[in-house]
C-alpha atoms as a PDB file:
ATOM      1  CA  MET A   1     -19.276  -5.771 -11.162  1.00  0.00           C
ATOM      2  CA  SER A   2     -17.257  -6.237  -7.906  1.00  0.00           C
ATOM      3  CA  LEU A   3     -14.703  -9.010  -8.060  1.00  0.00           C
ATOM      4  CA  GLU A   4     -14.897 -12.071  -5.547  1.00  0.00           C
ATOM      5  CA  MET A   5     -13.649 -11.658  -2.142  1.00  0.00           C
ATOM      6  CA  ARG A   6     -10.181 -13.025  -1.653  1.00  0.00           C
ATOM      7  CA  GLU A   7      -9.618 -16.005   0.890  1.00  0.00           C
ATOM      8  CA  GLY A   8      -8.659 -14.693   4.264  1.00  0.00           C
ATOM      9  CA  TYR A   9      -9.902 -11.086   3.437  1.00  0.00           C
ATOM     10  CA  GLY A  10     -13.021  -9.448   4.296  1.00  0.00           C
ATOM     11  CA  GLY A  11     -14.584  -6.229   5.289  1.00  0.00           C
ATOM     12  CA  THR A  12     -17.936  -4.917   6.463  1.00  0.00           C
ATOM     13  CA  GLY A  13     -19.576  -1.395   6.528  1.00  0.00           C
ATOM     14  CA  PRO A  14     -21.297   0.897   3.985  1.00  0.00           C
ATOM     15  CA  GLY A  15     -20.481   0.943   0.253  1.00  0.00           C
ATOM     16  CA  ALA A  16     -18.360  -1.234  -2.029  1.00  0.00           C
ATOM     17  CA  ILE A  17     -15.738  -3.635  -0.447  1.00  0.00           C
ATOM     18  CA  THR A  18     -12.914  -4.652  -2.691  1.00  0.00           C
ATOM     19  CA  PRO A  19     -11.544  -8.345  -3.062  1.00  0.00           C
ATOM     20  CA  ASP A  20      -8.938  -7.655  -0.307  1.00  0.00           C
ATOM     21  CA  GLY A  21     -11.490  -6.280   2.221  1.00  0.00           C
ATOM     22  CA  CYS A  22     -10.894  -2.611   1.669  1.00  0.00           C
ATOM     23  CA  ALA A  23     -14.048  -0.405   1.848  1.00  0.00           C
ATOM     24  CA  VAL A  24     -14.178   2.342  -0.852  1.00  0.00           C
ATOM     25  CA  GLU A  25     -16.263   4.845   1.197  1.00  0.00           C
ATOM     26  CA  LEU A  26     -13.853   4.384   4.090  1.00  0.00           C
ATOM     27  CA  TYR A  27     -10.634   5.008   2.151  1.00  0.00           C
ATOM     28  CA  ALA A  28     -12.516   8.165   0.673  1.00  0.00           C
ATOM     29  CA  ARG A  29     -12.628   9.496   4.103  1.00  0.00           C
ATOM     30  CA  LEU A  30      -9.214   8.781   5.305  1.00  0.00           C
ATOM     31  CA  PRO A  31      -7.095  11.737   5.881  1.00  0.00           C
ATOM     32  CA  VAL A  32      -3.705  12.247   4.071  1.00  0.00           C
ATOM     33  CA  GLY A  33      -0.714  11.736   6.451  1.00  0.00           C
ATOM     34  CA  ASP A  34       2.902  12.648   5.868  1.00  0.00           C
ATOM     35  CA  GLU A  35       3.520   9.989   3.230  1.00  0.00           C
ATOM     36  CA  PRO A  36       3.334  12.549   0.250  1.00  0.00           C
ATOM     37  CA  ASP A  37       6.048  14.616   2.056  1.00  0.00           C
ATOM     38  CA  ILE A  38       8.308  11.549   2.478  1.00  0.00           C
ATOM     39  CA  ILE A  39       7.954  10.542  -0.988  1.00  0.00           C
ATOM     40  CA  ALA A  40       8.639  14.016  -2.382  1.00  0.00           C
ATOM     41  CA  ALA A  41      11.747  14.388  -0.297  1.00  0.00           C
ATOM     42  CA  ALA A  42      13.094  11.098  -1.801  1.00  0.00           C
ATOM     43  CA  VAL A  43      12.722  11.615  -5.483  1.00  0.00           C
ATOM     44  CA  PRO A  44      13.374  14.271  -8.175  1.00  0.00           C
ATOM     45  CA  ALA A  45      10.772  17.000  -8.802  1.00  0.00           C
ATOM     46  CA  GLY A  46       8.453  16.369 -11.356  1.00  0.00           C
ATOM     47  CA  ALA A  47       9.232  12.591 -11.520  1.00  0.00           C
ATOM     48  CA  SER A  48       7.099  10.215 -13.210  1.00  0.00           C
ATOM     49  CA  VAL A  49       5.492   7.914 -10.725  1.00  0.00           C
ATOM     50  CA  LEU A  50       3.784   4.417 -10.967  1.00  0.00           C
ATOM     51  CA  GLU A  51       1.557   4.023  -7.847  1.00  0.00           C
ATOM     52  CA  LEU A  52       0.749   0.471  -7.373  1.00  0.00           C
ATOM     53  CA  GLY A  53      -2.499  -0.013  -5.274  1.00  0.00           C
ATOM     54  CA  CYS A  54      -3.498   3.550  -5.290  1.00  0.00           C
ATOM     55  CA  GLY A  55      -7.006   2.951  -3.883  1.00  0.00           C
ATOM     56  CA  VAL A  56      -9.065   6.055  -4.219  1.00  0.00           C
ATOM     57  CA  GLY A  57      -6.137   8.267  -4.582  1.00  0.00           C
ATOM     58  CA  ARG A  58      -5.319   9.364  -0.890  1.00  0.00           C
ATOM     59  CA  MET A  59      -1.503   9.699  -2.002  1.00  0.00           C
ATOM     60  CA  THR A  60      -2.229  10.142  -5.726  1.00  0.00           C
ATOM     61  CA  HIS A  61      -3.814  13.503  -5.387  1.00  0.00           C
ATOM     62  CA  PRO A  62      -1.196  15.137  -3.152  1.00  0.00           C
ATOM     63  CA  LEU A  63       1.487  13.829  -5.554  1.00  0.00           C
ATOM     64  CA  VAL A  64      -0.230  15.279  -8.482  1.00  0.00           C
ATOM     65  CA  GLU A  65      -0.577  18.686  -6.597  1.00  0.00           C
ATOM     66  CA  ARG A  66       3.193  18.601  -6.049  1.00  0.00           C
ATOM     67  CA  GLY A  67       3.883  18.344  -9.698  1.00  0.00           C
ATOM     68  CA  PHE A  68       4.510  14.573 -10.284  1.00  0.00           C
ATOM     69  CA  THR A  69       3.059  12.753 -13.332  1.00  0.00           C
ATOM     70  CA  VAL A  70       1.342   9.750 -11.713  1.00  0.00           C
ATOM     71  CA  THR A  71       0.006   6.540 -13.264  1.00  0.00           C
ATOM     72  CA  ALA A  72      -2.360   4.953 -10.712  1.00  0.00           C
ATOM     73  CA  VAL A  73      -2.815   1.302 -10.518  1.00  0.00           C
ATOM     74  CA  ASP A  74      -5.684  -0.709  -8.671  1.00  0.00           C
ATOM     75  CA  GLU A  75      -7.639  -3.855  -9.315  1.00  0.00           C
ATOM     76  CA  SER A  76     -10.761  -2.110  -8.021  1.00  0.00           C
ATOM     77  CA  ALA A  77     -12.754  -0.035 -10.671  1.00  0.00           C
ATOM     78  CA  GLU A  78     -14.722   1.391  -7.745  1.00  0.00           C
ATOM     79  CA  MET A  79     -11.578   2.616  -6.054  1.00  0.00           C
ATOM     80  CA  LEU A  80     -10.177   4.024  -9.444  1.00  0.00           C
ATOM     81  CA  ALA A  81     -13.364   5.890 -10.114  1.00  0.00           C
ATOM     82  CA  ARG A  82     -12.482   8.264  -7.350  1.00  0.00           C
ATOM     83  CA  VAL A  83      -9.002   9.106  -8.710  1.00  0.00           C
ATOM     84  CA  ARG A  84      -8.577  12.509 -10.350  1.00  0.00           C
ATOM     85  CA  GLY A  85      -5.555  14.124 -12.316  1.00  0.00           C
ATOM     86  CA  ALA A  86      -3.795  10.870 -12.969  1.00  0.00           C
ATOM     87  CA  ARG A  87      -3.654   8.098 -15.588  1.00  0.00           C
ATOM     88  CA  THR A  88      -5.442   5.144 -14.140  1.00  0.00           C
ATOM     89  CA  ILE A  89      -4.875   1.320 -15.065  1.00  0.00           C
ATOM     90  CA  CYS A  90      -7.376  -1.217 -13.649  1.00  0.00           C
ATOM     91  CA  SER A  91      -5.305  -4.331 -13.147  1.00  0.00           C
ATOM     92  CA  PRO A  92      -3.920  -6.676 -10.498  1.00  0.00           C
ATOM     93  CA  VAL A  93      -0.530  -5.439  -9.519  1.00  0.00           C
ATOM     94  CA  GLU A  94       1.258  -8.660  -9.981  1.00  0.00           C
ATOM     95  CA  SER A  95       0.241  -9.013 -13.771  1.00  0.00           C
ATOM     96  CA  LEU A  96       0.620  -5.283 -14.533  1.00  0.00           C
ATOM     97  CA  ASP A  97       2.097  -4.039 -17.915  1.00  0.00           C
ATOM     98  CA  ALA A  98       1.981  -0.423 -17.662  1.00  0.00           C
ATOM     99  CA  GLY A  99       3.674  -0.019 -21.092  1.00  0.00           C
ATOM    100  CA  GLY A 100       6.871   1.499 -19.890  1.00  0.00           C
ATOM    101  CA  THR A 101       9.150   2.467 -17.290  1.00  0.00           C
ATOM    102  CA  PHE A 102       9.028   5.193 -14.388  1.00  0.00           C
ATOM    103  CA  ASP A 103      11.287   7.316 -12.472  1.00  0.00           C
ATOM    104  CA  VAL A 104       9.597   6.227  -9.397  1.00  0.00           C
ATOM    105  CA  VAL A 105       7.697   3.061  -8.458  1.00  0.00           C
ATOM    106  CA  LEU A 106       5.657   3.395  -5.350  1.00  0.00           C
ATOM    107  CA  LEU A 107       4.456   0.180  -3.388  1.00  0.00           C
ATOM    108  CA  ALA A 108       2.878   1.510  -0.364  1.00  0.00           C
ATOM    109  CA  SER A 109       0.223   0.474   2.116  1.00  0.00           C
ATOM    110  CA  PHE A 110       2.163  -2.362   3.473  1.00  0.00           C
ATOM    111  CA  LEU A 111       1.551  -4.425   0.336  1.00  0.00           C
ATOM    112  CA  VAL A 112       4.924  -5.982   0.516  1.00  0.00           C
ATOM    113  CA  HIS A 113       3.630  -7.946   3.582  1.00  0.00           C
ATOM    114  CA  ALA A 114       1.264  -9.812   1.464  1.00  0.00           C
ATOM    115  CA  GLY A 115       0.621 -13.319   3.164  1.00  0.00           C
ATOM    116  CA  ASP A 116       1.220 -15.178  -0.069  1.00  0.00           C
ATOM    117  CA  VAL A 117       4.649 -15.285  -0.836  1.00  0.00           C
ATOM    118  CA  ALA A 118       4.245 -15.803  -4.499  1.00  0.00           C
ATOM    119  CA  VAL A 119       2.062 -12.592  -4.445  1.00  0.00           C
ATOM    120  CA  ARG A 120       4.675 -10.578  -2.575  1.00  0.00           C
ATOM    121  CA  GLN A 121       7.219 -11.646  -5.127  1.00  0.00           C
ATOM    122  CA  GLY A 122       4.942 -10.790  -7.887  1.00  0.00           C
ATOM    123  CA  LEU A 123       4.522  -7.253  -6.611  1.00  0.00           C
ATOM    124  CA  LEU A 124       8.267  -6.698  -6.164  1.00  0.00           C
ATOM    125  CA  ASP A 125       8.877  -8.176  -9.600  1.00  0.00           C
ATOM    126  CA  THR A 126       6.458  -5.679 -11.104  1.00  0.00           C
ATOM    127  CA  CYS A 127       8.295  -2.948  -9.148  1.00  0.00           C
ATOM    128  CA  ARG A 128      11.585  -4.007 -10.822  1.00  0.00           C
ATOM    129  CA  ARG A 129      10.119  -4.382 -14.252  1.00  0.00           C
ATOM    130  CA  HIS A 130       8.727  -0.855 -14.348  1.00  0.00           C
ATOM    131  CA  VAL A 131      11.463   1.052 -12.712  1.00  0.00           C
ATOM    132  CA  ALA A 132      13.559   3.022 -15.139  1.00  0.00           C
ATOM    133  CA  GLY A 133      17.394   2.972 -15.139  1.00  0.00           C
ATOM    134  CA  GLY A 134      18.394   5.404 -12.601  1.00  0.00           C
ATOM    135  CA  GLY A 135      15.113   5.339 -11.048  1.00  0.00           C
ATOM    136  CA  CYS A 136      13.983   4.149  -7.416  1.00  0.00           C
ATOM    137  CA  VAL A 137      11.298   2.014  -5.809  1.00  0.00           C
ATOM    138  CA  LEU A 138       9.696   3.341  -2.564  1.00  0.00           C
ATOM    139  CA  ILE A 139       8.277   0.786  -0.274  1.00  0.00           C
ATOM    140  CA  GLN A 140       6.239   1.156   2.887  1.00  0.00           C
ATOM    141  CA  ARG A 141       6.870  -1.550   5.474  1.00  0.00           C
ATOM    142  CA  GLU A 142       5.162  -2.406   8.753  1.00  0.00           C
ATOM    143  CA  GLY A 143       6.661  -1.078  11.975  1.00  0.00           C
ATOM    144  CA  PRO A 144       8.460  -3.432  14.073  1.00  0.00           C
ATOM    145  CA  ASP A 145       5.773  -3.879  16.673  1.00  0.00           C
ATOM    146  CA  TYR A 146       2.858  -3.834  14.151  1.00  0.00           C
ATOM    147  CA  HIS A 147       1.746  -7.504  15.157  1.00  0.00           C
ATOM    148  CA  THR A 148       2.660  -7.395  18.591  1.00  0.00           C
ATOM    149  CA  ASP A 149       1.691  -4.095  20.238  1.00  0.00           C
ATOM    150  CA  LEU A 150      -1.923  -5.015  20.277  1.00  0.00           C
ATOM    151  CA  PRO A 151      -4.686  -4.102  20.739  1.00  0.00           C
ATOM    152  CA  ARG A 152      -3.968  -0.343  20.062  1.00  0.00           C
ATOM    153  CA  GLU A 153      -5.769   2.576  18.786  1.00  0.00           C
ATOM    154  CA  ARG A 154      -5.475   6.042  17.145  1.00  0.00           C
ATOM    155  CA  VAL A 155      -7.756   8.839  17.447  1.00  0.00           C
ATOM    156  CA  ASP A 156      -8.025  11.649  14.855  1.00  0.00           C
ATOM    157  CA  PRO A 157     -10.256  14.157  16.490  1.00  0.00           C
ATOM    158  CA  GLY A 158     -10.359  16.477  13.450  1.00  0.00           C
ATOM    159  CA  ILE A 159     -12.617  13.961  11.451  1.00  0.00           C
ATOM    160  CA  GLY A 160     -13.874  12.130  14.377  1.00  0.00           C
ATOM    161  CA  LEU A 161     -12.048   9.003  13.431  1.00  0.00           C
ATOM    162  CA  THR A 162     -10.997   6.199  15.799  1.00  0.00           C
ATOM    163  CA  VAL A 163      -8.861   3.348  14.193  1.00  0.00           C
ATOM    164  CA  ARG A 164      -8.234   0.149  16.459  1.00  0.00           C
ATOM    165  CA  ILE A 165      -6.001  -2.640  15.333  1.00  0.00           C
ATOM    166  CA  VAL A 166      -7.720  -5.322  17.314  1.00  0.00           C
ATOM    167  CA  SER A 167      -5.613  -8.568  16.806  1.00  0.00           C
ATOM    168  CA  ALA A 168      -3.273 -10.397  14.723  1.00  0.00           C
ATOM    169  CA  GLU A 169      -3.783 -13.970  15.056  1.00  0.00           C
ATOM    170  CA  PRO A 170      -1.453 -16.759  13.574  1.00  0.00           C
ATOM    171  CA  VAL A 171      -3.126 -18.785  10.859  1.00  0.00           C
ATOM    172  CA  GLY A 172       0.023 -20.744   9.893  1.00  0.00           C
ATOM    173  CA  ASP A 173       3.198 -20.473   7.667  1.00  0.00           C
ATOM    174  CA  GLY A 174       4.275 -17.289   9.378  1.00  0.00           C
ATOM    175  CA  VAL A 175       1.056 -15.551   8.473  1.00  0.00           C
ATOM    176  CA  ASN A 176      -1.282 -13.512  10.741  1.00  0.00           C
ATOM    177  CA  SER A 177      -4.890 -12.674  10.368  1.00  0.00           C
ATOM    178  CA  VAL A 178      -5.272  -8.969  11.109  1.00  0.00           C
ATOM    179  CA  ARG A 179      -8.359  -7.345  12.233  1.00  0.00           C
ATOM    180  CA  VAL A 180      -8.809  -3.447  12.052  1.00  0.00           C
ATOM    181  CA  GLU A 181     -11.807  -1.602  13.086  1.00  0.00           C
ATOM    182  CA  TYR A 182     -12.649   2.100  11.821  1.00  0.00           C
ATOM    183  CA  GLU A 183     -15.197   4.230  13.466  1.00  0.00           C
ATOM    184  CA  PHE A 184     -16.591   7.600  12.631  1.00  0.00           C
ATOM    185  CA  PRO A 185     -19.484   9.259  14.374  1.00  0.00           C
ATOM    186  CA  ASP A 186     -21.830   8.332  11.555  1.00  0.00           C
ATOM    187  CA  ALA A 187     -20.491   4.941  10.188  1.00  0.00           C
ATOM    188  CA  ALA A 188     -18.161   2.195  11.048  1.00  0.00           C
ATOM    189  CA  TRP A 189     -16.067  -0.371   9.107  1.00  0.00           C
ATOM    190  CA  THR A 190     -14.128  -3.440   9.688  1.00  0.00           C
ATOM    191  CA  HIS A 191     -11.153  -4.895   7.599  1.00  0.00           C
ATOM    192  CA  THR A 192      -9.768  -8.306   7.961  1.00  0.00           C
ATOM    193  CA  PHE A 193      -6.621  -9.313   5.929  1.00  0.00           C
ATOM    194  CA  LEU A 194      -3.564 -11.630   5.933  1.00  0.00           C
ATOM    195  CA  ALA A 195      -0.016 -10.268   6.600  1.00  0.00           C
ATOM    196  CA  ARG A 196       3.440 -11.754   6.813  1.00  0.00           C
ATOM    197  CA  PRO A 197       5.726 -10.066   9.283  1.00  0.00           C
ATOM    198  CA  LEU A 198       9.064  -9.545   7.874  1.00  0.00           C
ATOM    199  CA  THR A 199      12.432  -8.924   9.548  1.00  0.00           C
ATOM    200  CA  GLN A 200      14.795  -6.614   7.935  1.00  0.00           C
ATOM    201  CA  GLU A 201      16.831  -9.327   6.784  1.00  0.00           C
ATOM    202  CA  GLN A 202      13.746 -11.195   5.313  1.00  0.00           C
ATOM    203  CA  PHE A 203      12.613  -7.915   3.478  1.00  0.00           C
ATOM    204  CA  GLU A 204      16.065  -7.327   2.060  1.00  0.00           C
ATOM    205  CA  GLU A 205      16.182 -11.169   0.840  1.00  0.00           C
ATOM    206  CA  ALA A 206      12.712 -10.604  -0.920  1.00  0.00           C
ATOM    207  CA  LEU A 207      14.128  -7.517  -2.571  1.00  0.00           C
ATOM    208  CA  ALA A 208      17.289  -9.309  -3.703  1.00  0.00           C
ATOM    209  CA  GLU A 209      15.145 -11.995  -5.330  1.00  0.00           C
ATOM    210  CA  ALA A 210      13.411  -9.392  -7.392  1.00  0.00           C
ATOM    211  CA  GLY A 211      16.800  -7.828  -8.498  1.00  0.00           C
ATOM    212  CA  LEU A 212      16.390  -4.836  -5.898  1.00  0.00           C
ATOM    213  CA  LYS A 213      18.360  -3.675  -3.080  1.00  0.00           C
ATOM    214  CA  VAL A 214      18.093  -1.029  -0.393  1.00  0.00           C
ATOM    215  CA  ASP A 215      19.550   2.302  -1.154  1.00  0.00           C
ATOM    216  CA  ARG A 216      18.514   3.877   2.178  1.00  0.00           C
ATOM    217  CA  TYR A 217      15.792   3.896   4.686  1.00  0.00           C
ATOM    218  CA  LEU A 218      13.997   7.123   4.756  1.00  0.00           C
ATOM    219  CA  THR A 219      12.529   7.410   8.201  1.00  0.00           C
ATOM    220  CA  ASP A 220      14.055   6.462  11.708  1.00  0.00           C
ATOM    221  CA  ASP A 221      11.574   3.552  12.090  1.00  0.00           C
ATOM    222  CA  GLN A 222      12.589   2.074   8.614  1.00  0.00           C
ATOM    223  CA  VAL A 223       9.007   2.002   7.537  1.00  0.00           C
ATOM    224  CA  TRP A 224       9.837   3.859   4.375  1.00  0.00           C
ATOM    225  CA  VAL A 225      12.622   2.383   2.060  1.00  0.00           C
ATOM    226  CA  ARG A 226      14.166   3.633  -1.063  1.00  0.00           C
ATOM    227  CA  ALA A 227      15.212   0.641  -3.134  1.00  0.00           C
ATOM    228  CA  VAL A 228      17.176   0.733  -6.235  1.00  0.00           C
ATOM    229  CA  PRO A 229      17.818  -2.067  -9.070  1.00  0.00           C
ATOM    230  CA  ALA A 230      20.655  -4.297  -7.921  1.00  0.00           C
END
């Protein structure tokens, strides 16, 4: 049974929609970007990885193929049903108990920008709780112009996909309501969600509150971050 839609989140289009507005069928179609390469270059070969908010396994599967042992977590059973080759746990990330620690904890998909501060801190607390001594947490942040360079679109002619980030409207307390449209030749989806822009200083303060600190930024745009226990 699908969970109730979260306030401020929504989605339209064919197939199941998760509580945060993500469409399962859409995510099953999205191509793999350079994320697995960035992750693999930042951690030891064969490391154990806890992937938080794995969705349908878009990054899980390439990591498994590269020889990592992945435990994939998502609150959506419909999403997890698409994951192959990894241990799966159906749970909200904030309350997760994965039964141990991992060499790498992965918090991608801009989840650190959760509109609710308590949710964001719960996500980071889960990261800290599950990272092994000597391990690291890899976090994907929004780019500096994510909420301001709008509207913008990206076209992937290989699969006939157009992605439009249409708007980011303030809804109070430093949070924006973001609307994204995805168009394929045979289907279309929308996704509306709440996101809190974070300066580098605010991001690093949130890490510190969870007992983490930046080890290094992995990409020139500082979107990918390697953090370690403080």
